[in-house]
Amino acid sequence: MAVDKLKYPIGLYKPPKDLSMKTIKIWIKNIDKFPHHLKRELAGLDDIQLNWKYRPDGWNIRQLVHHCADSHLNSFTRFKLALTEDNPTIKPYMENLWAETDDVRLTPISWSLNIIEGLHKRWEYLLVNLKETDFSKTYFH
């Protein structure tokens, strides 16, 4: 149980019972604000701190930042596929193996922060400009 508390410090995700446009707009704002919040939290961390793991068998901070870039790129791609194809099949990826590649373990977090910042601008713009009918589009996972 202690590891679960570390693994899910704010608890497991519980989807809202009623998914409204108001909720979606809040989520879009969160996408817009995420890069700023992330940069603020990481400001001033040195290499020793970036290599710190907050739980056993977990990723270090550097891996988590690069993971955000990887997972958000995948999510954005899934949005675009769903918007431009009829129920496309989405390919999963091995996040745990991606976290062990040299571009994640050994490179500056600024590289991924730059990706996240530009990607989130595009993602937020895309979402704000969707028609309400676009939110009913699907993909197969």
C-alpha atoms as a PDB file:
ATOM      1  CA  MET A   1       0.000   0.000   0.000  1.00  0.00           C
ATOM      2  CA  ALA A   2       2.841   2.436   0.774  1.00  0.00           C
ATOM      3  CA  VAL A   3       4.209   2.050  -2.770  1.00  0.00           C
ATOM      4  CA  ASP A   4       0.709   2.644  -4.193  1.00  0.00           C
ATOM      5  CA  LYS A   5       0.518   5.878  -2.196  1.00  0.00           C
ATOM      6  CA  LEU A   6       3.834   6.947  -3.759  1.00  0.00           C
ATOM      7  CA  LYS A   7       2.778   5.714  -7.191  1.00  0.00           C
ATOM      8  CA  TYR A   8      -0.550   7.565  -7.073  1.00  0.00           C
ATOM      9  CA  PRO A   9      -0.016  10.455  -4.625  1.00  0.00           C
ATOM     10  CA  ILE A  10      -3.300  12.139  -5.555  1.00  0.00           C
ATOM     11  CA  GLY A  11      -5.153   8.843  -6.025  1.00  0.00           C
ATOM     12  CA  LEU A  12      -6.320   6.966  -9.079  1.00  0.00           C
ATOM     13  CA  TYR A  13      -8.066   8.927 -11.818  1.00  0.00           C
ATOM     14  CA  LYS A  14     -11.838   8.999 -11.490  1.00  0.00           C
ATOM     15  CA  PRO A  15     -13.578  10.220 -14.637  1.00  0.00           C
ATOM     16  CA  PRO A  16     -16.418  12.690 -14.120  1.00  0.00           C
ATOM     17  CA  LYS A  17     -19.888  11.189 -14.124  1.00  0.00           C
ATOM     18  CA  ASP A  18     -21.145  13.879 -16.487  1.00  0.00           C
ATOM     19  CA  LEU A  19     -18.671  15.025 -19.128  1.00  0.00           C
ATOM     20  CA  SER A  20     -19.727  18.546 -20.068  1.00  0.00           C
ATOM     21  CA  MET A  21     -18.211  21.190 -22.318  1.00  0.00           C
ATOM     22  CA  LYS A  22     -17.472  23.147 -19.124  1.00  0.00           C
ATOM     23  CA  THR A  23     -15.262  20.275 -17.901  1.00  0.00           C
ATOM     24  CA  ILE A  24     -13.598  19.973 -21.312  1.00  0.00           C
ATOM     25  CA  LYS A  25     -12.809  23.709 -21.299  1.00  0.00           C
ATOM     26  CA  ILE A  26     -11.169  23.347 -17.868  1.00  0.00           C
ATOM     27  CA  TRP A  27      -9.056  20.467 -19.201  1.00  0.00           C
ATOM     28  CA  ILE A  28      -8.037  22.555 -22.220  1.00  0.00           C
ATOM     29  CA  LYS A  29      -6.937  25.370 -19.883  1.00  0.00           C
ATOM     30  CA  ASN A  30      -4.864  22.807 -17.956  1.00  0.00           C
ATOM     31  CA  ILE A  31      -3.165  21.787 -21.203  1.00  0.00           C
ATOM     32  CA  ASP A  32      -2.412  25.442 -21.881  1.00  0.00           C
ATOM     33  CA  LYS A  33      -0.981  26.081 -18.383  1.00  0.00           C
ATOM     34  CA  PHE A  34       0.999  22.846 -17.996  1.00  0.00           C
ATOM     35  CA  PRO A  35       4.313  23.996 -19.554  1.00  0.00           C
ATOM     36  CA  HIS A  36       4.435  27.074 -17.312  1.00  0.00           C
ATOM     37  CA  HIS A  37       3.708  25.060 -14.158  1.00  0.00           C
ATOM     38  CA  LEU A  38       6.242  22.383 -15.094  1.00  0.00           C
ATOM     39  CA  LYS A  39       9.006  24.911 -15.766  1.00  0.00           C
ATOM     40  CA  ARG A  40       8.274  26.644 -12.464  1.00  0.00           C
ATOM     41  CA  GLU A  41       8.544  23.381 -10.526  1.00  0.00           C
ATOM     42  CA  LEU A  42      11.825  22.439 -12.215  1.00  0.00           C
ATOM     43  CA  ALA A  43      13.518  25.841 -12.007  1.00  0.00           C
ATOM     44  CA  GLY A  44      16.931  25.658 -10.379  1.00  0.00           C
ATOM     45  CA  LEU A  45      17.190  21.866 -10.104  1.00  0.00           C
ATOM     46  CA  ASP A  46      20.712  20.542 -10.688  1.00  0.00           C
ATOM     47  CA  ASP A  47      21.769  17.191 -12.196  1.00  0.00           C
ATOM     48  CA  ILE A  48      21.830  15.474  -8.808  1.00  0.00           C
ATOM     49  CA  GLN A  49      18.256  16.568  -8.117  1.00  0.00           C
ATOM     50  CA  LEU A  50      17.109  15.652 -11.636  1.00  0.00           C
ATOM     51  CA  ASN A  51      18.402  12.115 -11.070  1.00  0.00           C
ATOM     52  CA  TRP A  52      16.471  11.712  -7.790  1.00  0.00           C
ATOM     53  CA  LYS A  53      13.773   9.014  -7.637  1.00  0.00           C
ATOM     54  CA  TYR A  54      10.866   9.670  -5.312  1.00  0.00           C
ATOM     55  CA  ARG A  55       9.881   6.002  -5.028  1.00  0.00           C
ATOM     56  CA  PRO A  56      11.546   2.589  -5.346  1.00  0.00           C
ATOM     57  CA  ASP A  57      11.712   1.293  -8.933  1.00  0.00           C
ATOM     58  CA  GLY A  58      10.351   4.615 -10.197  1.00  0.00           C
ATOM     59  CA  TRP A  59      11.689   7.040 -12.744  1.00  0.00           C
ATOM     60  CA  ASN A  60      13.878   9.959 -11.812  1.00  0.00           C
ATOM     61  CA  ILE A  61      12.766  13.537 -12.397  1.00  0.00           C
ATOM     62  CA  ARG A  62      14.688  13.770 -15.684  1.00  0.00           C
ATOM     63  CA  GLN A  63      12.911  10.659 -16.994  1.00  0.00           C
ATOM     64  CA  LEU A  64       9.540  12.029 -15.899  1.00  0.00           C
ATOM     65  CA  VAL A  65      10.088  15.288 -17.784  1.00  0.00           C
ATOM     66  CA  HIS A  66      11.147  13.481 -20.957  1.00  0.00           C
ATOM     67  CA  HIS A  67       8.208  11.087 -20.478  1.00  0.00           C
ATOM     68  CA  CYS A  68       5.845  14.078 -20.461  1.00  0.00           C
ATOM     69  CA  ALA A  69       7.182  15.133 -23.863  1.00  0.00           C
ATOM     70  CA  ASP A  70       6.904  11.579 -25.224  1.00  0.00           C
ATOM     71  CA  SER A  71       3.422  10.892 -23.851  1.00  0.00           C
ATOM     72  CA  HIS A  72       2.038  14.293 -24.832  1.00  0.00           C
ATOM     73  CA  LEU A  73       3.397  13.890 -28.370  1.00  0.00           C
ATOM     74  CA  ASN A  74       1.625  10.536 -28.535  1.00  0.00           C
ATOM     75  CA  SER A  75      -1.586  12.027 -27.158  1.00  0.00           C
ATOM     76  CA  PHE A  76      -1.529  14.932 -29.614  1.00  0.00           C
ATOM     77  CA  THR A  77      -0.968  12.469 -32.465  1.00  0.00           C
ATOM     78  CA  ARG A  78      -3.934  10.410 -31.276  1.00  0.00           C
ATOM     79  CA  PHE A  79      -6.125  13.522 -31.280  1.00  0.00           C
ATOM     80  CA  LYS A  80      -5.045  14.338 -34.833  1.00  0.00           C
ATOM     81  CA  LEU A  81      -5.619  10.774 -36.028  1.00  0.00           C
ATOM     82  CA  ALA A  82      -9.112  10.719 -34.494  1.00  0.00           C
ATOM     83  CA  LEU A  83      -9.924  14.046 -36.111  1.00  0.00           C
ATOM     84  CA  THR A  84      -8.709  13.084 -39.585  1.00  0.00           C
ATOM     85  CA  GLU A  85      -9.523   9.370 -39.897  1.00  0.00           C
ATOM     86  CA  ASP A  86     -12.553   7.191 -39.278  1.00  0.00           C
ATOM     87  CA  ASN A  87     -12.009   5.412 -35.926  1.00  0.00           C
ATOM     88  CA  PRO A  88      -8.259   4.830 -36.447  1.00  0.00           C
ATOM     89  CA  THR A  89      -6.383   2.141 -34.541  1.00  0.00           C
ATOM     90  CA  ILE A  90      -3.946   3.692 -32.084  1.00  0.00           C
ATOM     91  CA  LYS A  91      -0.671   1.905 -31.502  1.00  0.00           C
ATOM     92  CA  PRO A  92       0.454   1.690 -27.868  1.00  0.00           C
ATOM     93  CA  TYR A  93       4.096   2.164 -26.928  1.00  0.00           C
ATOM     94  CA  MET A  94       6.311   0.680 -24.232  1.00  0.00           C
ATOM     95  CA  GLU A  95       6.677   3.704 -21.930  1.00  0.00           C
ATOM     96  CA  ASN A  96       8.988   1.838 -19.549  1.00  0.00           C
ATOM     97  CA  LEU A  97      11.401   1.069 -22.405  1.00  0.00           C
ATOM     98  CA  TRP A  98      11.194   4.584 -23.819  1.00  0.00           C
ATOM     99  CA  ALA A  99      12.234   5.874 -20.366  1.00  0.00           C
ATOM    100  CA  GLU A 100      15.489   3.892 -20.618  1.00  0.00           C
ATOM    101  CA  THR A 101      16.722   5.191 -23.984  1.00  0.00           C
ATOM    102  CA  ASP A 102      19.756   7.487 -23.965  1.00  0.00           C
ATOM    103  CA  ASP A 103      17.776  10.527 -25.154  1.00  0.00           C
ATOM    104  CA  VAL A 104      15.786  10.245 -21.920  1.00  0.00           C
ATOM    105  CA  ARG A 105      18.454   9.164 -19.442  1.00  0.00           C
ATOM    106  CA  LEU A 106      21.269  11.459 -20.542  1.00  0.00           C
ATOM    107  CA  THR A 107      19.985  14.654 -22.142  1.00  0.00           C
ATOM    108  CA  PRO A 108      19.027  18.057 -20.716  1.00  0.00           C
ATOM    109  CA  ILE A 109      15.396  18.478 -19.701  1.00  0.00           C
ATOM    110  CA  SER A 110      15.361  21.772 -21.607  1.00  0.00           C
ATOM    111  CA  TRP A 111      15.060  19.775 -24.827  1.00  0.00           C
ATOM    112  CA  SER A 112      11.788  18.220 -23.684  1.00  0.00           C
ATOM    113  CA  LEU A 113      10.566  21.434 -22.054  1.00  0.00           C
ATOM    114  CA  ASN A 114      10.901  23.113 -25.460  1.00  0.00           C
ATOM    115  CA  ILE A 115       8.914  20.302 -27.083  1.00  0.00           C
ATOM    116  CA  ILE A 116       6.231  20.519 -24.394  1.00  0.00           C
ATOM    117  CA  GLU A 117       5.927  24.296 -24.685  1.00  0.00           C
ATOM    118  CA  GLY A 118       5.458  24.311 -28.472  1.00  0.00           C
ATOM    119  CA  LEU A 119       3.307  21.205 -28.499  1.00  0.00           C
ATOM    120  CA  HIS A 120       0.956  22.525 -25.831  1.00  0.00           C
ATOM    121  CA  LYS A 121       0.465  25.786 -27.748  1.00  0.00           C
ATOM    122  CA  ARG A 122      -0.600  23.797 -30.810  1.00  0.00           C
ATOM    123  CA  TRP A 123      -2.657  21.335 -28.764  1.00  0.00           C
ATOM    124  CA  GLU A 124      -4.552  24.079 -26.940  1.00  0.00           C
ATOM    125  CA  TYR A 125      -5.170  25.940 -30.214  1.00  0.00           C
ATOM    126  CA  LEU A 126      -6.442  22.756 -31.869  1.00  0.00           C
ATOM    127  CA  LEU A 127      -8.804  21.969 -28.995  1.00  0.00           C
ATOM    128  CA  VAL A 128     -10.176  25.485 -28.565  1.00  0.00           C
ATOM    129  CA  ASN A 129     -11.061  25.566 -32.258  1.00  0.00           C
ATOM    130  CA  LEU A 130     -12.815  22.201 -32.452  1.00  0.00           C
ATOM    131  CA  LYS A 131     -16.490  22.033 -33.258  1.00  0.00           C
ATOM    132  CA  GLU A 132     -18.625  20.385 -30.598  1.00  0.00           C
ATOM    133  CA  THR A 133     -19.275  17.480 -33.009  1.00  0.00           C
ATOM    134  CA  ASP A 134     -15.510  16.829 -33.164  1.00  0.00           C
ATOM    135  CA  PHE A 135     -15.624  15.679 -29.543  1.00  0.00           C
ATOM    136  CA  SER A 136     -17.718  12.676 -30.553  1.00  0.00           C
ATOM    137  CA  LYS A 137     -15.007  11.320 -32.887  1.00  0.00           C
ATOM    138  CA  THR A 138     -13.372   8.090 -31.820  1.00  0.00           C
ATOM    139  CA  TYR A 139     -10.326   5.905 -32.116  1.00  0.00           C
ATOM    140  CA  PHE A 140      -9.671   2.262 -31.265  1.00  0.00           C
ATOM    141  CA  HIS A 141      -7.025   1.483 -28.641  1.00  0.00           C
END
